[in-house]
Amino acid sequence: MNIYLESVNLDEIRSAAAAGLADGVAFSHTAASADAADANTLERLEDISREFAFPVCVPVGALASADIYSDARDLAKVSDHVVVQVPLVEDSLIPMARLAAEGVVICATFVYSPAQAIIAAKAGAASVRVALTDLETYGQAATRTLAEIKNALESGGLECDVMAASPLSPVRPSAKSCNCFTALSSSGKKRAIELPTTLAL
């Protein structure tokens, strides 16, 4: 199981990577506001991609089809390590399929159910990012929903990872429910996810 650090702070990323606790970086609104709200996303992405040889997940800033495609292409040009986060909305399905066909690695966001995950995977997403904050806010059981999503993808023979992200309360991820998870850095407001002592939960 991989850990993606929710941080855009180079010192925090260096420290986590040196300790073997970062298999990737995930940009998020929380990470950006905690460290560098005024920093240029593209410049920070270039800095991180230049220094670290692991995936860096960064979101597009658009919701319209043409803009999603354009933003994603610009982000993907920065490095082969870039994973572009695209919101799963109606206008994103065609650009997602087109980007995937062109070799851009896509992580679909705004995914909260097995059906949405299947749609994202069929549109070309290599992973889906499930925001546990949103699930918990609306009373959904985060661990059960994650497991249902992963099971649906595996049952459908779809190669698509499940990323558990940004919970409100401590969550202990397991290999049964997700392939990777994000953890807030020390500059985040709280410890987001308990590191698992075992994967057989």
Protein backbone atom coordinates (compact mmCIF):
# COMPACT_ATOMS: atom_id res chain seq x y z
CA MET A 1 0.00 0.00 0.00
CA ASN A 2 1.36 3.40 -0.99
CA ILE A 3 1.31 6.62 1.00
CA TYR A 4 0.79 9.92 -0.80
CA LEU A 5 1.76 12.95 1.25
CA GLU A 6 -0.72 15.82 1.09
CA SER A 7 1.86 18.58 1.01
CA VAL A 8 3.48 21.00 -1.40
CA ASN A 9 6.25 21.86 1.08
CA LEU A 10 9.60 20.63 -0.25
CA ASP A 11 11.17 20.21 3.20
CA GLU A 12 8.26 18.08 4.41
CA ILE A 13 8.37 15.96 1.27
CA ARG A 14 12.14 15.48 1.63
CA SER A 15 11.75 14.42 5.25
CA ALA A 16 8.94 11.95 4.51
CA ALA A 17 10.78 10.51 1.50
CA ALA A 18 13.99 10.06 3.50
CA ALA A 19 12.02 8.12 6.13
CA GLY A 20 10.41 5.95 3.45
CA LEU A 21 6.98 7.40 4.23
CA ALA A 22 6.19 9.01 0.88
CA ASP A 23 5.50 7.01 -2.25
CA GLY A 24 4.04 10.06 -3.93
CA VAL A 25 2.63 13.54 -3.39
CA ALA A 26 -0.98 14.63 -3.71
CA PHE A 27 -1.75 18.30 -4.20
CA SER A 28 -4.89 19.38 -2.38
CA HIS A 29 -6.58 22.59 -1.29
CA THR A 30 -5.62 21.72 2.29
CA ALA A 31 -1.96 21.24 1.41
CA ALA A 32 -1.79 24.41 -0.66
CA SER A 33 -3.46 26.61 1.96
CA ALA A 34 -1.32 25.17 4.74
CA ASP A 35 1.96 25.93 2.99
CA ALA A 36 1.85 28.16 -0.04
CA ALA A 37 -1.49 29.58 -0.99
CA ASP A 38 0.21 32.19 -3.15
CA ALA A 39 2.66 29.80 -4.82
CA ASN A 40 2.26 29.10 -8.50
CA THR A 41 0.98 25.53 -8.86
CA LEU A 42 2.95 24.88 -12.04
CA GLU A 43 6.21 26.15 -10.51
CA ARG A 44 5.73 24.05 -7.38
CA LEU A 45 4.91 21.01 -9.52
CA GLU A 46 8.11 21.54 -11.51
CA ASP A 47 10.18 21.79 -8.32
CA ILE A 48 8.74 18.60 -6.84
CA SER A 49 8.91 16.63 -10.09
CA ARG A 50 12.51 17.66 -10.64
CA GLU A 51 13.62 16.48 -7.20
CA PHE A 52 11.56 13.33 -6.66
CA ALA A 53 11.04 10.33 -8.93
CA PHE A 54 7.60 9.38 -7.69
CA PRO A 55 4.02 10.21 -8.75
CA VAL A 56 2.78 13.74 -8.13
CA CYS A 57 -1.02 14.07 -8.26
CA VAL A 58 -2.19 17.55 -9.21
CA PRO A 59 -5.73 18.70 -10.04
CA VAL A 60 -6.89 20.56 -13.12
CA GLY A 61 -8.53 23.88 -12.36
CA ALA A 62 -11.39 23.53 -14.83
CA LEU A 63 -14.82 21.92 -15.21
CA ALA A 64 -15.56 22.56 -18.90
CA SER A 65 -14.54 19.86 -21.37
CA ALA A 66 -12.10 21.84 -23.52
CA ASP A 67 -10.51 23.50 -20.49
CA ILE A 68 -10.06 20.19 -18.67
CA TYR A 69 -8.23 18.78 -21.67
CA SER A 70 -6.04 21.85 -22.08
CA ASP A 71 -5.16 22.11 -18.37
CA ALA A 72 -4.39 18.39 -18.13
CA ARG A 73 -2.11 18.50 -21.18
CA ASP A 74 -0.19 21.46 -19.70
CA LEU A 75 0.26 19.68 -16.37
CA ALA A 76 1.30 16.39 -17.98
CA LYS A 77 4.02 18.16 -19.98
CA VAL A 78 5.86 19.06 -16.76
CA SER A 79 7.02 15.51 -16.00
CA ASP A 80 6.41 11.84 -16.72
CA HIS A 81 5.66 11.52 -12.99
CA VAL A 82 2.60 13.77 -13.11
CA VAL A 83 -0.78 12.19 -12.39
CA VAL A 84 -3.54 14.58 -13.43
CA GLN A 85 -6.57 14.72 -11.16
CA VAL A 86 -9.75 15.26 -13.15
CA PRO A 87 -13.18 15.74 -11.53
CA LEU A 88 -15.71 13.09 -12.55
CA VAL A 89 -18.39 15.32 -14.05
CA GLU A 90 -20.32 14.86 -17.29
CA ASP A 91 -18.07 17.22 -19.26
CA SER A 92 -14.91 15.40 -18.16
CA LEU A 93 -15.63 11.96 -19.63
CA ILE A 94 -14.59 12.70 -23.22
CA PRO A 95 -11.40 14.58 -22.28
CA MET A 96 -10.51 11.81 -19.81
CA ALA A 97 -10.79 9.17 -22.53
CA ARG A 98 -8.82 11.31 -24.95
CA LEU A 99 -6.08 12.07 -22.41
CA ALA A 100 -5.77 8.42 -21.39
CA ALA A 101 -5.44 7.42 -25.06
CA GLU A 102 -2.60 9.95 -25.35
CA GLY A 103 -0.77 8.43 -22.40
CA VAL A 104 -1.69 10.95 -19.70
CA VAL A 105 -2.16 9.25 -16.33
CA ILE A 106 -5.53 10.24 -14.86
CA CYS A 107 -6.84 10.11 -11.30
CA ALA A 108 -10.59 10.78 -11.16
CA THR A 109 -11.91 12.84 -8.25
CA PHE A 110 -15.50 13.45 -7.07
CA VAL A 111 -15.93 9.66 -6.86
CA TYR A 112 -18.20 8.46 -4.04
CA SER A 113 -19.75 5.20 -5.22
CA PRO A 114 -18.91 1.96 -7.05
CA ALA A 115 -20.91 3.08 -10.11
CA GLN A 116 -18.95 6.32 -10.38
CA ALA A 117 -15.66 4.44 -9.99
CA ILE A 118 -16.60 2.06 -12.81
CA ILE A 119 -17.50 4.99 -15.08
CA ALA A 120 -14.18 6.68 -14.27
CA ALA A 121 -12.19 3.51 -14.96
CA LYS A 122 -13.99 2.92 -18.26
CA ALA A 123 -13.24 6.53 -19.24
CA GLY A 124 -9.54 5.82 -18.75
CA ALA A 125 -8.75 6.72 -15.13
CA ALA A 126 -5.82 4.80 -13.69
CA SER A 127 -7.06 5.60 -10.19
CA VAL A 128 -9.96 7.15 -8.32
CA ARG A 129 -9.51 9.49 -5.38
CA VAL A 130 -12.28 9.07 -2.81
CA ALA A 131 -12.53 12.08 -0.49
CA LEU A 132 -13.40 10.56 2.85
CA THR A 133 -14.19 14.01 4.23
CA ASP A 134 -17.18 14.21 1.91
CA LEU A 135 -18.34 10.67 2.70
CA GLU A 136 -18.16 11.32 6.45
CA THR A 137 -19.88 14.69 6.17
CA TYR A 138 -22.92 13.03 4.58
CA GLY A 139 -22.96 10.06 6.93
CA GLN A 140 -21.52 7.37 4.66
CA ALA A 141 -19.31 4.72 6.23
CA ALA A 142 -15.92 5.48 4.71
CA THR A 143 -14.29 2.06 5.11
CA ARG A 144 -17.35 0.20 3.76
CA THR A 145 -17.71 2.54 0.79
CA LEU A 146 -14.02 2.19 -0.09
CA ALA A 147 -14.27 -1.61 0.07
CA GLU A 148 -17.39 -1.58 -2.14
CA ILE A 149 -15.64 0.61 -4.70
CA LYS A 150 -12.52 -1.56 -4.78
CA ASN A 151 -14.59 -4.75 -5.00
CA ALA A 152 -16.67 -3.37 -7.87
CA LEU A 153 -13.55 -2.46 -9.85
CA GLU A 154 -11.92 -5.84 -9.24
CA SER A 155 -15.13 -7.74 -10.04
CA GLY A 156 -15.42 -5.83 -13.31
CA GLY A 157 -11.84 -6.67 -14.25
CA LEU A 158 -10.93 -2.97 -14.32
CA GLU A 159 -7.36 -1.96 -13.54
CA CYS A 160 -7.97 1.12 -11.45
CA ASP A 161 -6.46 1.91 -8.04
CA VAL A 162 -8.48 3.33 -5.17
CA MET A 163 -6.97 6.23 -3.22
CA ALA A 164 -8.45 7.06 0.19
CA ALA A 165 -8.05 10.79 0.81
CA SER A 166 -8.61 13.50 3.39
CA PRO A 167 -10.73 11.98 6.18
CA LEU A 168 -12.24 14.09 8.98
CA SER A 169 -11.50 11.42 11.57
CA PRO A 170 -8.72 8.83 11.86
CA VAL A 171 -9.20 5.95 9.43
CA ARG A 172 -7.15 2.78 9.33
CA PRO A 173 -6.84 1.83 5.65
CA SER A 174 -6.52 -1.77 4.60
CA ALA A 175 -5.52 -3.58 1.44
CA LYS A 176 -9.14 -4.78 1.19
CA SER A 177 -10.45 -1.23 0.81
CA CYS A 178 -7.80 0.75 -1.06
CA ASN A 179 -4.46 0.60 -2.86
CA CYS A 180 -3.10 3.87 -1.50
CA PHE A 181 -4.02 6.69 0.84
CA THR A 182 -3.10 10.29 1.50
CA ALA A 183 -1.79 11.61 4.80
CA LEU A 184 -1.69 15.23 5.87
CA SER A 185 1.77 16.62 6.53
CA SER A 186 2.79 18.21 9.81
CA SER A 187 1.59 21.57 8.50
CA GLY A 188 -1.90 20.11 8.08
CA LYS A 189 -4.51 20.72 10.74
CA LYS A 190 -4.54 17.17 12.09
CA ARG A 191 -3.29 13.68 11.49
CA ALA A 192 -5.55 12.43 8.78
CA ILE A 193 -5.05 8.68 8.61
CA GLU A 194 -3.63 6.25 11.13
CA LEU A 195 -0.73 4.37 9.61
CA PRO A 196 -1.75 0.72 9.48
CA THR A 197 0.07 -1.72 11.72
CA THR A 198 -1.26 -4.53 9.56
CA LEU A 199 -2.82 -4.73 6.14
CA ALA A 200 -5.03 -7.68 7.07
CA LEU A 201 -7.88 -5.77 8.64
